[in-house]
Each structure stands twice: as structure tokens, then as C-alpha cells.
């Protein structure tokens, strides 16, 4: 049997929501926010809320 990088519970999904066939469960909002914060920190991007998100792309 092959080793999975995710737990069986994470890949099985919840039959009540229709996330079967190996689809991973969607992270809850707190988990998603923490993952986003961690990714931004590792990428060297500002972590806190920005006052003007479009200002980063203007020259």
C-alpha cells in the first residue's frame, strides 16, 4: 500500500457534503487565514492588513 501524504480522513471528505473521491476537505476560515499568513511570512510579504491592496501594483 502506498504512503499518503494526507490522513485518510483529510482525503475521504465528508459524504454529507459530497466531497468524496479523494477530494481534500476545504480548510475552515481560521485555518485558511493562518496558512495564508504563514505563506506570506515565508515569501517576505507584509502579513498585516493593507490599507490599499491595489497600491502594491501601481508604479
PDB file of N, CA and C in Angstrom:
ATOM      1  N   UNK A   1       0.839  -1.175   0.000  1.00  0.00           N
ATOM      2  CA  UNK A   1       0.000   0.000   0.000  1.00  0.00           C
ATOM      3  C   UNK A   1       0.886   1.241   0.000  1.00  0.00           C
ATOM      4  N   UNK A   2       0.543   2.192  -0.839  1.00  0.00           N
ATOM      5  CA  UNK A   2       1.330   3.419  -0.965  1.00  0.00           C
ATOM      6  C   UNK A   2       1.101   4.331   0.236  1.00  0.00           C
ATOM      7  N   UNK A   3       2.130   5.071   0.575  1.00  0.00           N
ATOM      8  CA  UNK A   3       2.038   6.022   1.681  1.00  0.00           C
ATOM      9  C   UNK A   3       1.372   7.304   1.193  1.00  0.00           C
ATOM     10  N   UNK A   4       0.381   7.783   1.922  1.00  0.00           N
ATOM     11  CA  UNK A   4      -0.305   9.026   1.581  1.00  0.00           C
ATOM     12  C   UNK A   4       0.294  10.165   2.385  1.00  0.00           C
ATOM     13  N   UNK A   5       0.392  11.325   1.766  1.00  0.00           N
ATOM     14  CA  UNK A   5       0.909  12.480   2.488  1.00  0.00           C
ATOM     15  C   UNK A   5      -0.162  13.146   3.335  1.00  0.00           C
ATOM     16  N   UNK A   6      -1.417  12.770   3.133  1.00  0.00           N
ATOM     17  CA  UNK A   6      -2.510  13.284   3.958  1.00  0.00           C
ATOM     18  C   UNK A   6      -3.169  12.111   4.675  1.00  0.00           C
ATOM     19  N   UNK A   7      -3.806  12.405   5.781  1.00  0.00           N
ATOM     20  CA  UNK A   7      -4.509  11.352   6.503  1.00  0.00           C
ATOM     21  C   UNK A   7      -5.717  10.903   5.697  1.00  0.00           C
ATOM     22  N   UNK A   8      -6.176   9.700   5.952  1.00  0.00           N
ATOM     23  CA  UNK A   8      -7.355   9.193   5.258  1.00  0.00           C
ATOM     24  C   UNK A   8      -8.550  10.103   5.481  1.00  0.00           C
ATOM     25  N   UNK A   9      -8.700  10.616   6.689  1.00  0.00           N
ATOM     26  CA  UNK A   9      -9.830  11.495   6.990  1.00  0.00           C
ATOM     27  C   UNK A   9      -9.776  12.757   6.119  1.00  0.00           C
ATOM     28  N   UNK A  10      -8.586  13.281   5.874  1.00  0.00           N
ATOM     29  CA  UNK A  10      -8.457  14.508   5.083  1.00  0.00           C
ATOM     30  C   UNK A  10      -8.794  14.281   3.616  1.00  0.00           C
ATOM     31  N   UNK A  11      -8.487  13.100   3.082  1.00  0.00           N
ATOM     32  CA  UNK A  11      -8.751  12.869   1.658  1.00  0.00           C
ATOM     33  C   UNK A  11     -10.110  12.246   1.395  1.00  0.00           C
ATOM     34  N   UNK A  12     -10.697  11.585   2.383  1.00  0.00           N
ATOM     35  CA  UNK A  12     -12.000  10.960   2.169  1.00  0.00           C
ATOM     36  C   UNK A  12     -13.103  11.996   2.069  1.00  0.00           C
ATOM     37  N   UNK A  13     -12.970  13.068   2.796  1.00  0.00           N
ATOM     38  CA  UNK A  13     -14.002  14.096   2.779  1.00  0.00           C
ATOM     39  C   UNK A  13     -15.206  13.685   3.598  1.00  0.00           C
ATOM     40  N   UNK A  14     -16.236  14.470   3.501  1.00  0.00           N
ATOM     41  CA  UNK A  14     -17.459  14.241   4.255  1.00  0.00           C
ATOM     42  C   UNK A  14     -18.555  13.847   3.279  1.00  0.00           C
ATOM     43  N   UNK A  15     -19.075  12.621   3.381  1.00  0.00           N
ATOM     44  CA  UNK A  15     -20.109  12.211   2.433  1.00  0.00           C
ATOM     45  C   UNK A  15     -21.350  13.094   2.494  1.00  0.00           C
ATOM     46  N   UNK A  16     -21.567  13.771   3.609  1.00  0.00           N
ATOM     47  CA  UNK A  16     -22.715  14.655   3.726  1.00  0.00           C
ATOM     48  C   UNK A  16     -22.595  15.904   2.861  1.00  0.00           C
ATOM     49  N   UNK A  17     -21.368  16.293   2.515  1.00  0.00           N
ATOM     50  CA  UNK A  17     -21.172  17.484   1.689  1.00  0.00           C
ATOM     51  C   UNK A  17     -20.801  17.140   0.255  1.00  0.00           C
ATOM     52  N   UNK A  18     -20.655  15.852  -0.044  1.00  0.00           N
ATOM     53  CA  UNK A  18     -20.341  15.448  -1.405  1.00  0.00           C
ATOM     54  C   UNK A  18     -18.882  15.566  -1.782  1.00  0.00           C
ATOM     55  N   UNK A  19     -18.000  15.739  -0.809  1.00  0.00           N
ATOM     56  CA  UNK A  19     -16.578  15.838  -1.106  1.00  0.00           C
ATOM     57  C   UNK A  19     -15.933  14.467  -0.994  1.00  0.00           C
ATOM     58  N   UNK A  20     -16.280  13.573  -1.856  1.00  0.00           N
ATOM     59  CA  UNK A  20     -15.704  12.239  -1.855  1.00  0.00           C
ATOM     60  C   UNK A  20     -14.662  12.104  -2.951  1.00  0.00           C
ATOM     61  N   UNK A  21     -14.369  10.898  -3.339  1.00  0.00           N
ATOM     62  CA  UNK A  21     -13.455  10.571  -4.430  1.00  0.00           C
ATOM     63  C   UNK A  21     -12.080  11.209  -4.251  1.00  0.00           C
ATOM     64  N   UNK A  22     -11.584  11.257  -3.032  1.00  0.00           N
ATOM     65  CA  UNK A  22     -10.228  11.732  -2.798  1.00  0.00           C
ATOM     66  C   UNK A  22     -10.058  13.239  -2.745  1.00  0.00           C
ATOM     67  N   UNK A  23     -11.131  13.985  -2.809  1.00  0.00           N
ATOM     68  CA  UNK A  23     -11.002  15.433  -2.733  1.00  0.00           C
ATOM     69  C   UNK A  23     -10.672  15.835  -1.292  1.00  0.00           C
ATOM     70  N   UNK A  24      -9.664  16.701  -1.087  1.00  0.00           N
ATOM     71  CA  UNK A  24      -9.346  17.122   0.277  1.00  0.00           C
ATOM     72  C   UNK A  24     -10.437  18.023   0.836  1.00  0.00           C
ATOM     73  N   UNK A  25     -10.554  18.003   2.151  1.00  0.00           N
ATOM     74  CA  UNK A  25     -11.536  18.872   2.797  1.00  0.00           C
ATOM     75  C   UNK A  25     -11.085  20.315   2.681  1.00  0.00           C
ATOM     76  N   UNK A  26     -12.033  21.201   2.528  1.00  0.00           N
ATOM     77  CA  UNK A  26     -11.727  22.625   2.475  1.00  0.00           C
ATOM     78  C   UNK A  26     -11.387  23.091   3.893  1.00  0.00           C
ATOM     79  N   UNK A  27     -10.275  23.850   4.049  1.00  0.00           N
ATOM     80  CA  UNK A  27      -9.938  24.320   5.394  1.00  0.00           C
ATOM     81  C   UNK A  27     -10.960  25.339   5.884  1.00  0.00           C
ATOM     82  N   UNK A  28     -11.176  25.369   7.196  1.00  0.00           N
ATOM     83  CA  UNK A  28     -12.086  26.378   7.725  1.00  0.00           C
ATOM     84  C   UNK A  28     -11.414  27.752   7.629  1.00  0.00           C
ATOM     85  N   UNK A  29     -12.155  28.803   7.871  1.00  0.00           N
ATOM     86  CA  UNK A  29     -11.648  30.165   7.666  1.00  0.00           C
ATOM     87  C   UNK A  29     -10.431  30.469   8.539  1.00  0.00           C
ATOM     88  N   UNK A  30     -10.431  30.000   9.784  1.00  0.00           N
ATOM     89  CA  UNK A  30      -9.291  30.262  10.665  1.00  0.00           C
ATOM     90  C   UNK A  30      -8.039  29.561  10.155  1.00  0.00           C
ATOM     91  N   UNK A  31      -8.198  28.296   9.737  1.00  0.00           N
ATOM     92  CA  UNK A  31      -7.058  27.540   9.216  1.00  0.00           C
ATOM     93  C   UNK A  31      -6.550  28.175   7.920  1.00  0.00           C
ATOM     94  N   UNK A  32      -7.465  28.595   7.054  1.00  0.00           N
ATOM     95  CA  UNK A  32      -7.080  29.224   5.797  1.00  0.00           C
ATOM     96  C   UNK A  32      -6.343  30.541   6.041  1.00  0.00           C
ATOM     97  N   UNK A  33      -6.824  31.342   6.979  1.00  0.00           N
ATOM     98  CA  UNK A  33      -6.170  32.611   7.303  1.00  0.00           C
ATOM     99  C   UNK A  33      -4.771  32.370   7.862  1.00  0.00           C
ATOM    100  N   UNK A  34      -4.615  31.357   8.697  1.00  0.00           N
ATOM    101  CA  UNK A  34      -3.302  31.045   9.267  1.00  0.00           C
ATOM    102  C   UNK A  34      -2.345  30.558   8.185  1.00  0.00           C
ATOM    103  N   UNK A  35      -2.828  29.709   7.280  1.00  0.00           N
ATOM    104  CA  UNK A  35      -1.982  29.228   6.185  1.00  0.00           C
ATOM    105  C   UNK A  35      -1.559  30.379   5.280  1.00  0.00           C
ATOM    106  N   UNK A  36      -2.479  31.301   5.002  1.00  0.00           N
ATOM    107  CA  UNK A  36      -2.162  32.461   4.171  1.00  0.00           C
ATOM    108  C   UNK A  36      -1.132  33.341   4.862  1.00  0.00           C
ATOM    109  N   UNK A  37      -1.319  33.570   6.166  1.00  0.00           N
ATOM    110  CA  UNK A  37      -0.368  34.383   6.930  1.00  0.00           C
ATOM    111  C   UNK A  37       1.020  33.757   6.904  1.00  0.00           C
ATOM    112  N   UNK A  38       1.082  32.445   7.108  1.00  0.00           N
ATOM    113  CA  UNK A  38       2.362  31.737   7.114  1.00  0.00           C
ATOM    114  C   UNK A  38       3.023  31.795   5.736  1.00  0.00           C
ATOM    115  N   UNK A  39       2.243  31.607   4.671  1.00  0.00           N
ATOM    116  CA  UNK A  39       2.789  31.669   3.313  1.00  0.00           C
ATOM    117  C   UNK A  39       3.336  33.062   3.008  1.00  0.00           C
ATOM    118  N   UNK A  40       2.609  34.104   3.403  1.00  0.00           N
ATOM    119  CA  UNK A  40       3.066  35.477   3.164  1.00  0.00           C
ATOM    120  C   UNK A  40       4.336  35.768   3.960  1.00  0.00           C
ATOM    121  N   UNK A  41       4.403  35.269   5.188  1.00  0.00           N
ATOM    122  CA  UNK A  41       5.582  35.461   6.022  1.00  0.00           C
ATOM    123  C   UNK A  41       6.805  34.803   5.380  1.00  0.00           C
ATOM    124  N   UNK A  42       6.637  33.568   4.906  1.00  0.00           N
ATOM    125  CA  UNK A  42       7.741  32.843   4.271  1.00  0.00           C
ATOM    126  C   UNK A  42       8.177  33.494   2.965  1.00  0.00           C
ATOM    127  N   UNK A  43       7.241  34.155   2.267  1.00  0.00           N
ATOM    128  CA  UNK A  43       7.557  34.806   0.994  1.00  0.00           C
ATOM    129  C   UNK A  43       8.113  36.214   1.182  1.00  0.00           C
ATOM    130  N   UNK A  44       8.157  36.692   2.427  1.00  0.00           N
ATOM    131  CA  UNK A  44       8.675  38.021   2.696  1.00  0.00           C
ATOM    132  C   UNK A  44       7.687  39.130   2.389  1.00  0.00           C
ATOM    133  N   UNK A  45       6.412  38.805   2.346  1.00  0.00           N
ATOM    134  CA  UNK A  45       5.371  39.793   2.075  1.00  0.00           C
ATOM    135  C   UNK A  45       4.790  40.307   3.383  1.00  0.00           C
ATOM    136  N   UNK A  46       4.195  41.493   3.370  1.00  0.00           N
ATOM    137  CA  UNK A  46       3.578  42.004   4.597  1.00  0.00           C
ATOM    138  C   UNK A  46       2.449  41.089   5.055  1.00  0.00           C
ATOM    139  N   UNK A  47       2.369  40.881   6.347  1.00  0.00           N
ATOM    140  CA  UNK A  47       1.396  39.941   6.899  1.00  0.00           C
ATOM    141  C   UNK A  47       0.112  40.634   7.323  1.00  0.00           C
ATOM    142  N   UNK A  48       0.204  41.823   7.837  1.00  0.00           N
ATOM    143  CA  UNK A  48      -0.968  42.529   8.340  1.00  0.00           C
ATOM    144  C   UNK A  48      -1.866  43.023   7.224  1.00  0.00           C
ATOM    145  N   UNK A  49      -3.049  43.510   7.594  1.00  0.00           N
ATOM    146  CA  UNK A  49      -3.961  44.046   6.584  1.00  0.00           C
ATOM    147  C   UNK A  49      -3.389  45.312   5.953  1.00  0.00           C
ATOM    148  N   UNK A  50      -3.528  45.428   4.649  1.00  0.00           N
ATOM    149  CA  UNK A  50      -3.023  46.580   3.915  1.00  0.00           C
ATOM    150  C   UNK A  50      -4.116  47.631   3.796  1.00  0.00           C
ATOM    151  N   UNK A  51      -3.736  48.890   3.848  1.00  0.00           N
ATOM    152  CA  UNK A  51      -4.734  49.942   3.724  1.00  0.00           C
ATOM    153  C   UNK A  51      -5.222  50.072   2.284  1.00  0.00           C
ATOM    154  N   UNK A  52      -4.356  49.774   1.315  1.00  0.00           N
ATOM    155  CA  UNK A  52      -4.738  49.853  -0.093  1.00  0.00           C
ATOM    156  C   UNK A  52      -4.027  48.738  -0.841  1.00  0.00           C
ATOM    157  N   UNK A  53      -4.728  47.644  -1.075  1.00  0.00           N
ATOM    158  CA  UNK A  53      -4.116  46.484  -1.713  1.00  0.00           C
ATOM    159  C   UNK A  53      -3.682  46.774  -3.141  1.00  0.00           C
ATOM    160  N   UNK A  54      -4.390  47.656  -3.861  1.00  0.00           N
ATOM    161  CA  UNK A  54      -4.044  47.972  -5.245  1.00  0.00           C
ATOM    162  C   UNK A  54      -2.775  48.824  -5.331  1.00  0.00           C
ATOM    163  N   UNK A  55      -2.405  49.512  -4.268  1.00  0.00           N
ATOM    164  CA  UNK A  55      -1.225  50.372  -4.287  1.00  0.00           C
ATOM    165  C   UNK A  55       0.049  49.567  -4.523  1.00  0.00           C
ATOM    166  N   UNK A  56       0.061  48.294  -4.146  1.00  0.00           N
ATOM    167  CA  UNK A  56       1.236  47.454  -4.349  1.00  0.00           C
ATOM    168  C   UNK A  56       1.538  47.263  -5.828  1.00  0.00           C
ATOM    169  N   UNK A  57       0.521  47.359  -6.689  1.00  0.00           N
ATOM    170  CA  UNK A  57       0.688  47.066  -8.104  1.00  0.00           C
ATOM    171  C   UNK A  57       0.851  48.321  -8.955  1.00  0.00           C
ATOM    172  N   UNK A  58       0.679  49.485  -8.381  1.00  0.00           N
ATOM    173  CA  UNK A  58       0.823  50.730  -9.124  1.00  0.00           C
ATOM    174  C   UNK A  58       2.259  51.207  -9.058  1.00  0.00           C
ATOM    175  N   UNK A  59       2.678  51.889 -10.122  1.00  0.00           N
ATOM    176  CA  UNK A  59       4.038  52.435 -10.140  1.00  0.00           C
ATOM    177  C   UNK A  59       4.015  53.931 -10.115  1.00  0.00           C
TER     178      UNK A  59
END
